[in-house]
Amino acid sequence: RATDPADVIAGRMARARDEISHWGEYDYILINDDADICLGEIRAILHAERLRRKRQLGLAAFVRDMLGT
């Protein structure tokens, strides 16, 4: 990349600006300025997503059984 022409760099920057302008559409925003911290945040997101109610197969039956209903 250190040898890319100015027009290629300008194109990349334009795409980056466009992508960043849509930040409000995302559920999670990560700033990758520290790889270890970012990796931990990614793992936390994956863990949270796995715990979403809609992903808990059999949860409704479990709750009904627990409540005796």
PDB file of N, CA and C in Angstrom:
ATOM      1  N   ARG A   1       0.821  -1.205   0.000  1.00  0.00           N
ATOM      2  CA  ARG A   1       0.000   0.000   0.000  1.00  0.00           C
ATOM      3  C   ARG A   1       0.856   1.257   0.000  1.00  0.00           C
ATOM      4  N   ALA A   2       2.045   1.166   0.488  1.00  0.00           N
ATOM      5  CA  ALA A   2       2.898   2.353   0.538  1.00  0.00           C
ATOM      6  C   ALA A   2       3.233   2.861  -0.855  1.00  0.00           C
ATOM      7  N   THR A   3       2.971   2.048  -1.855  1.00  0.00           N
ATOM      8  CA  THR A   3       3.291   2.459  -3.223  1.00  0.00           C
ATOM      9  C   THR A   3       2.045   2.770  -4.042  1.00  0.00           C
ATOM     10  N   ASP A   4       0.877   2.796  -3.401  1.00  0.00           N
ATOM     11  CA  ASP A   4      -0.359   3.061  -4.133  1.00  0.00           C
ATOM     12  C   ASP A   4      -0.395   4.499  -4.630  1.00  0.00           C
ATOM     13  N   PRO A   5      -0.911   4.682  -5.840  1.00  0.00           N
ATOM     14  CA  PRO A   5      -1.051   6.045  -6.368  1.00  0.00           C
ATOM     15  C   PRO A   5      -2.094   6.844  -5.581  1.00  0.00           C
ATOM     16  N   ALA A   6      -2.009   8.140  -5.698  1.00  0.00           N
ATOM     17  CA  ALA A   6      -2.891   9.050  -4.955  1.00  0.00           C
ATOM     18  C   ALA A   6      -4.365   8.780  -5.235  1.00  0.00           C
ATOM     19  N   ASP A   7      -4.719   8.431  -6.479  1.00  0.00           N
ATOM     20  CA  ASP A   7      -6.131   8.196  -6.795  1.00  0.00           C
ATOM     21  C   ASP A   7      -6.667   6.938  -6.102  1.00  0.00           C
ATOM     22  N   VAL A   8      -5.827   5.936  -5.924  1.00  0.00           N
ATOM     23  CA  VAL A   8      -6.240   4.723  -5.213  1.00  0.00           C
ATOM     24  C   VAL A   8      -6.470   5.048  -3.737  1.00  0.00           C
ATOM     25  N   ILE A   9      -5.561   5.802  -3.161  1.00  0.00           N
ATOM     26  CA  ILE A   9      -5.694   6.214  -1.757  1.00  0.00           C
ATOM     27  C   ILE A   9      -6.947   7.069  -1.575  1.00  0.00           C
ATOM     28  N   ALA A  10      -7.183   7.994  -2.498  1.00  0.00           N
ATOM     29  CA  ALA A  10      -8.372   8.854  -2.424  1.00  0.00           C
ATOM     30  C   ALA A  10      -9.648   8.017  -2.503  1.00  0.00           C
ATOM     31  N   GLY A  11      -9.649   7.007  -3.355  1.00  0.00           N
ATOM     32  CA  GLY A  11     -10.811   6.120  -3.465  1.00  0.00           C
ATOM     33  C   GLY A  11     -11.066   5.368  -2.169  1.00  0.00           C
ATOM     34  N   ARG A  12      -9.989   4.874  -1.556  1.00  0.00           N
ATOM     35  CA  ARG A  12     -10.124   4.173  -0.270  1.00  0.00           C
ATOM     36  C   ARG A  12     -10.680   5.102   0.801  1.00  0.00           C
ATOM     37  N   MET A  13     -10.175   6.312   0.832  1.00  0.00           N
ATOM     38  CA  MET A  13     -10.638   7.274   1.834  1.00  0.00           C
ATOM     39  C   MET A  13     -12.111   7.622   1.613  1.00  0.00           C
ATOM     40  N   ALA A  14     -12.522   7.743   0.357  1.00  0.00           N
ATOM     41  CA  ALA A  14     -13.927   8.045   0.055  1.00  0.00           C
ATOM     42  C   ALA A  14     -14.826   6.904   0.522  1.00  0.00           C
ATOM     43  N   ARG A  15     -14.407   5.667   0.268  1.00  0.00           N
ATOM     44  CA  ARG A  15     -15.190   4.514   0.725  1.00  0.00           C
ATOM     45  C   ARG A  15     -15.249   4.465   2.248  1.00  0.00           C
ATOM     46  N   ALA A  16     -14.142   4.763   2.890  1.00  0.00           N
ATOM     47  CA  ALA A  16     -14.109   4.765   4.361  1.00  0.00           C
ATOM     48  C   ALA A  16     -15.067   5.818   4.910  1.00  0.00           C
ATOM     49  N   ARG A  17     -15.063   7.018   4.324  1.00  0.00           N
ATOM     50  CA  ARG A  17     -15.983   8.071   4.768  1.00  0.00           C
ATOM     51  C   ARG A  17     -17.431   7.630   4.596  1.00  0.00           C
ATOM     52  N   ASP A  18     -17.721   6.991   3.461  1.00  0.00           N
ATOM     53  CA  ASP A  18     -19.083   6.525   3.217  1.00  0.00           C
ATOM     54  C   ASP A  18     -19.484   5.473   4.242  1.00  0.00           C
ATOM     55  N   GLU A  19     -18.607   4.516   4.508  1.00  0.00           N
ATOM     56  CA  GLU A  19     -18.910   3.469   5.488  1.00  0.00           C
ATOM     57  C   GLU A  19     -19.104   4.056   6.883  1.00  0.00           C
ATOM     58  N   ILE A  20     -18.251   4.976   7.277  1.00  0.00           N
ATOM     59  CA  ILE A  20     -18.349   5.591   8.601  1.00  0.00           C
ATOM     60  C   ILE A  20     -19.640   6.400   8.729  1.00  0.00           C
ATOM     61  N   SER A  21     -20.104   6.978   7.637  1.00  0.00           N
ATOM     62  CA  SER A  21     -21.316   7.798   7.699  1.00  0.00           C
ATOM     63  C   SER A  21     -22.550   6.972   8.057  1.00  0.00           C
ATOM     64  N   HIS A  22     -22.462   5.660   7.956  1.00  0.00           N
ATOM     65  CA  HIS A  22     -23.579   4.772   8.284  1.00  0.00           C
ATOM     66  C   HIS A  22     -23.475   4.189   9.689  1.00  0.00           C
ATOM     67  N   TRP A  23     -22.636   4.765  10.524  1.00  0.00           N
ATOM     68  CA  TRP A  23     -22.378   4.198  11.850  1.00  0.00           C
ATOM     69  C   TRP A  23     -23.644   4.016  12.675  1.00  0.00           C
ATOM     70  N   GLY A  24     -24.615   4.879  12.514  1.00  0.00           N
ATOM     71  CA  GLY A  24     -25.846   4.810  13.289  1.00  0.00           C
ATOM     72  C   GLY A  24     -26.725   3.613  12.961  1.00  0.00           C
ATOM     73  N   GLU A  25     -26.420   2.918  11.882  1.00  0.00           N
ATOM     74  CA  GLU A  25     -27.217   1.767  11.466  1.00  0.00           C
ATOM     75  C   GLU A  25     -26.755   0.464  12.116  1.00  0.00           C
ATOM     76  N   TYR A  26     -25.663   0.516  12.841  1.00  0.00           N
ATOM     77  CA  TYR A  26     -25.080  -0.704  13.402  1.00  0.00           C
ATOM     78  C   TYR A  26     -25.460  -0.879  14.868  1.00  0.00           C
ATOM     79  N   ASP A  27     -25.543  -2.124  15.297  1.00  0.00           N
ATOM     80  CA  ASP A  27     -25.824  -2.429  16.700  1.00  0.00           C
ATOM     81  C   ASP A  27     -24.582  -2.292  17.561  1.00  0.00           C
ATOM     82  N   TYR A  28     -23.435  -2.537  16.992  1.00  0.00           N
ATOM     83  CA  TYR A  28     -22.177  -2.499  17.738  1.00  0.00           C
ATOM     84  C   TYR A  28     -21.165  -1.664  16.968  1.00  0.00           C
ATOM     85  N   ILE A  29     -20.402  -0.865  17.700  1.00  0.00           N
ATOM     86  CA  ILE A  29     -19.343  -0.054  17.109  1.00  0.00           C
ATOM     87  C   ILE A  29     -18.052  -0.398  17.836  1.00  0.00           C
ATOM     88  N   LEU A  30     -17.053  -0.825  17.094  1.00  0.00           N
ATOM     89  CA  LEU A  30     -15.746  -1.139  17.662  1.00  0.00           C
ATOM     90  C   LEU A  30     -14.710  -0.218  17.050  1.00  0.00           C
ATOM     91  N   ILE A  31     -13.858   0.333  17.883  1.00  0.00           N
ATOM     92  CA  ILE A  31     -12.732   1.133  17.419  1.00  0.00           C
ATOM     93  C   ILE A  31     -11.494   0.256  17.582  1.00  0.00           C
ATOM     94  N   ASN A  32     -10.904  -0.118  16.474  1.00  0.00           N
ATOM     95  CA  ASN A  32      -9.790  -1.063  16.491  1.00  0.00           C
ATOM     96  C   ASN A  32      -8.459  -0.328  16.639  1.00  0.00           C
ATOM     97  N   ASP A  33      -8.265   0.317  17.794  1.00  0.00           N
ATOM     98  CA  ASP A  33      -6.984   0.986  18.028  1.00  0.00           C
ATOM     99  C   ASP A  33      -6.084   0.179  18.957  1.00  0.00           C
ATOM    100  N   ASP A  34      -6.624  -0.900  19.522  1.00  0.00           N
ATOM    101  CA  ASP A  34      -5.837  -1.828  20.341  1.00  0.00           C
ATOM    102  C   ASP A  34      -6.378  -3.223  20.038  1.00  0.00           C
ATOM    103  N   ALA A  35      -5.578  -4.044  19.380  1.00  0.00           N
ATOM    104  CA  ALA A  35      -6.044  -5.348  18.902  1.00  0.00           C
ATOM    105  C   ALA A  35      -6.544  -6.233  20.036  1.00  0.00           C
ATOM    106  N   ASP A  36      -5.859  -6.250  21.166  1.00  0.00           N
ATOM    107  CA  ASP A  36      -6.271  -7.106  22.280  1.00  0.00           C
ATOM    108  C   ASP A  36      -7.615  -6.670  22.858  1.00  0.00           C
ATOM    109  N   ILE A  37      -7.792  -5.372  23.033  1.00  0.00           N
ATOM    110  CA  ILE A  37      -9.061  -4.853  23.550  1.00  0.00           C
ATOM    111  C   ILE A  37     -10.180  -5.133  22.556  1.00  0.00           C
ATOM    112  N   CYS A  38      -9.921  -4.891  21.283  1.00  0.00           N
ATOM    113  CA  CYS A  38     -10.931  -5.113  20.249  1.00  0.00           C
ATOM    114  C   CYS A  38     -11.329  -6.590  20.202  1.00  0.00           C
ATOM    115  N   LEU A  39     -10.369  -7.482  20.314  1.00  0.00           N
ATOM    116  CA  LEU A  39     -10.672  -8.909  20.320  1.00  0.00           C
ATOM    117  C   LEU A  39     -11.562  -9.264  21.511  1.00  0.00           C
ATOM    118  N   GLY A  40     -11.277  -8.700  22.664  1.00  0.00           N
ATOM    119  CA  GLY A  40     -12.123  -8.930  23.836  1.00  0.00           C
ATOM    120  C   GLY A  40     -13.537  -8.423  23.618  1.00  0.00           C
ATOM    121  N   GLU A  41     -13.665  -7.275  22.976  1.00  0.00           N
ATOM    122  CA  GLU A  41     -14.988  -6.720  22.689  1.00  0.00           C
ATOM    123  C   GLU A  41     -15.743  -7.602  21.701  1.00  0.00           C
ATOM    124  N   ILE A  42     -15.049  -8.120  20.704  1.00  0.00           N
ATOM    125  CA  ILE A  42     -15.682  -9.023  19.739  1.00  0.00           C
ATOM    126  C   ILE A  42     -16.178 -10.277  20.452  1.00  0.00           C
ATOM    127  N   ARG A  43     -15.349 -10.822  21.320  1.00  0.00           N
ATOM    128  CA  ARG A  43     -15.760 -12.013  22.073  1.00  0.00           C
ATOM    129  C   ARG A  43     -16.980 -11.717  22.945  1.00  0.00           C
ATOM    130  N   ALA A  44     -17.015 -10.542  23.555  1.00  0.00           N
ATOM    131  CA  ALA A  44     -18.157 -10.159  24.394  1.00  0.00           C
ATOM    132  C   ALA A  44     -19.430 -10.047  23.561  1.00  0.00           C
ATOM    133  N   ILE A  45     -19.322  -9.481  22.371  1.00  0.00           N
ATOM    134  CA  ILE A  45     -20.480  -9.362  21.482  1.00  0.00           C
ATOM    135  C   ILE A  45     -20.976 -10.749  21.086  1.00  0.00           C
ATOM    136  N   LEU A  46     -20.061 -11.624  20.702  1.00  0.00           N
ATOM    137  CA  LEU A  46     -20.458 -12.979  20.315  1.00  0.00           C
ATOM    138  C   LEU A  46     -21.141 -13.698  21.472  1.00  0.00           C
ATOM    139  N   HIS A  47     -20.611 -13.536  22.663  1.00  0.00           N
ATOM    140  CA  HIS A  47     -21.211 -14.165  23.845  1.00  0.00           C
ATOM    141  C   HIS A  47     -22.621 -13.620  24.080  1.00  0.00           C
ATOM    142  N   ALA A  48     -22.772 -12.313  24.020  1.00  0.00           N
ATOM    143  CA  ALA A  48     -24.084 -11.691  24.227  1.00  0.00           C
ATOM    144  C   ALA A  48     -25.082 -12.133  23.160  1.00  0.00           C
ATOM    145  N   GLU A  49     -24.642 -12.222  21.924  1.00  0.00           N
ATOM    146  CA  GLU A  49     -25.538 -12.641  20.846  1.00  0.00           C
ATOM    147  C   GLU A  49     -26.002 -14.080  21.048  1.00  0.00           C
ATOM    148  N   ARG A  50     -25.129 -14.920  21.547  1.00  0.00           N
ATOM    149  CA  ARG A  50     -25.515 -16.314  21.809  1.00  0.00           C
ATOM    150  C   ARG A  50     -26.540 -16.411  22.932  1.00  0.00           C
ATOM    151  N   LEU A  51     -26.569 -15.430  23.826  1.00  0.00           N
ATOM    152  CA  LEU A  51     -27.497 -15.442  24.957  1.00  0.00           C
ATOM    153  C   LEU A  51     -28.841 -14.781  24.656  1.00  0.00           C
ATOM    154  N   ARG A  52     -29.016 -14.240  23.463  1.00  0.00           N
ATOM    155  CA  ARG A  52     -30.299 -13.615  23.124  1.00  0.00           C
ATOM    156  C   ARG A  52     -31.430 -14.622  23.307  1.00  0.00           C
ATOM    157  N   ARG A  53     -32.546 -14.128  23.804  1.00  0.00           N
ATOM    158  CA  ARG A  53     -33.704 -14.980  24.071  1.00  0.00           C
ATOM    159  C   ARG A  53     -34.098 -15.792  22.844  1.00  0.00           C
ATOM    160  N   LYS A  54     -34.135 -15.172  21.691  1.00  0.00           N
ATOM    161  CA  LYS A  54     -34.597 -15.875  20.488  1.00  0.00           C
ATOM    162  C   LYS A  54     -33.662 -17.017  20.087  1.00  0.00           C
ATOM    163  N   ARG A  55     -32.439 -17.012  20.583  1.00  0.00           N
ATOM    164  CA  ARG A  55     -31.499 -18.087  20.261  1.00  0.00           C
ATOM    165  C   ARG A  55     -31.540 -19.221  21.290  1.00  0.00           C
ATOM    166  N   GLN A  56     -32.293 -19.040  22.347  1.00  0.00           N
ATOM    167  CA  GLN A  56     -32.365 -20.035  23.418  1.00  0.00           C
ATOM    168  C   GLN A  56     -33.442 -21.064  23.083  1.00  0.00           C
ATOM    169  N   LEU A  57     -33.063 -22.062  22.320  1.00  0.00           N
ATOM    170  CA  LEU A  57     -34.005 -23.097  21.920  1.00  0.00           C
ATOM    171  C   LEU A  57     -34.488 -23.850  23.160  1.00  0.00           C
ATOM    172  N   GLY A  58     -35.774 -24.039  23.243  1.00  0.00           N
ATOM    173  CA  GLY A  58     -36.349 -24.764  24.362  1.00  0.00           C
ATOM    174  C   GLY A  58     -36.549 -23.928  25.610  1.00  0.00           C
ATOM    175  N   LEU A  59     -36.245 -22.651  25.552  1.00  0.00           N
ATOM    176  CA  LEU A  59     -36.361 -21.811  26.740  1.00  0.00           C
ATOM    177  C   LEU A  59     -37.809 -21.676  27.210  1.00  0.00           C
ATOM    178  N   ALA A  60     -38.728 -21.517  26.276  1.00  0.00           N
ATOM    179  CA  ALA A  60     -40.135 -21.348  26.655  1.00  0.00           C
ATOM    180  C   ALA A  60     -40.629 -22.572  27.420  1.00  0.00           C
ATOM    181  N   ALA A  61     -40.293 -23.756  26.939  1.00  0.00           N
ATOM    182  CA  ALA A  61     -40.709 -24.983  27.626  1.00  0.00           C
ATOM    183  C   ALA A  61     -40.050 -25.076  29.002  1.00  0.00           C
ATOM    184  N   PHE A  62     -38.799 -24.700  29.083  1.00  0.00           N
ATOM    185  CA  PHE A  62     -38.083 -24.727  30.358  1.00  0.00           C
ATOM    186  C   PHE A  62     -38.758 -23.807  31.375  1.00  0.00           C
ATOM    187  N   VAL A  63     -39.113 -22.606  30.949  1.00  0.00           N
ATOM    188  CA  VAL A  63     -39.754 -21.642  31.849  1.00  0.00           C
ATOM    189  C   VAL A  63     -41.130 -22.148  32.267  1.00  0.00           C
ATOM    190  N   ARG A  64     -41.888 -22.687  31.317  1.00  0.00           N
ATOM    191  CA  ARG A  64     -43.210 -23.240  31.657  1.00  0.00           C
ATOM    192  C   ARG A  64     -43.070 -24.355  32.694  1.00  0.00           C
ATOM    193  N   ASP A  65     -42.118 -25.249  32.481  1.00  0.00           N
ATOM    194  CA  ASP A  65     -41.901 -26.342  33.437  1.00  0.00           C
ATOM    195  C   ASP A  65     -41.479 -25.804  34.799  1.00  0.00           C
ATOM    196  N   MET A  66     -40.615 -24.817  34.782  1.00  0.00           N
ATOM    197  CA  MET A  66     -40.123 -24.250  36.028  1.00  0.00           C
ATOM    198  C   MET A  66     -41.254 -23.591  36.817  1.00  0.00           C
ATOM    199  N   LEU A  67     -42.167 -22.937  36.098  1.00  0.00           N
ATOM    200  CA  LEU A  67     -43.285 -22.249  36.742  1.00  0.00           C
ATOM    201  C   LEU A  67     -44.469 -23.171  36.993  1.00  0.00           C
ATOM    202  N   GLY A  68     -44.399 -24.375  36.443  1.00  0.00           N
ATOM    203  CA  GLY A  68     -45.496 -25.324  36.626  1.00  0.00           C
ATOM    204  C   GLY A  68     -46.740 -24.946  35.867  1.00  0.00           C
ATOM    205  N   THR A  69     -46.570 -24.284  34.740  1.00  0.00           N
ATOM    206  CA  THR A  69     -47.737 -23.871  33.935  1.00  0.00           C
ATOM    207  C   THR A  69     -47.854 -24.688  32.678  1.00  0.00           C
TER     208      THR A  69
END
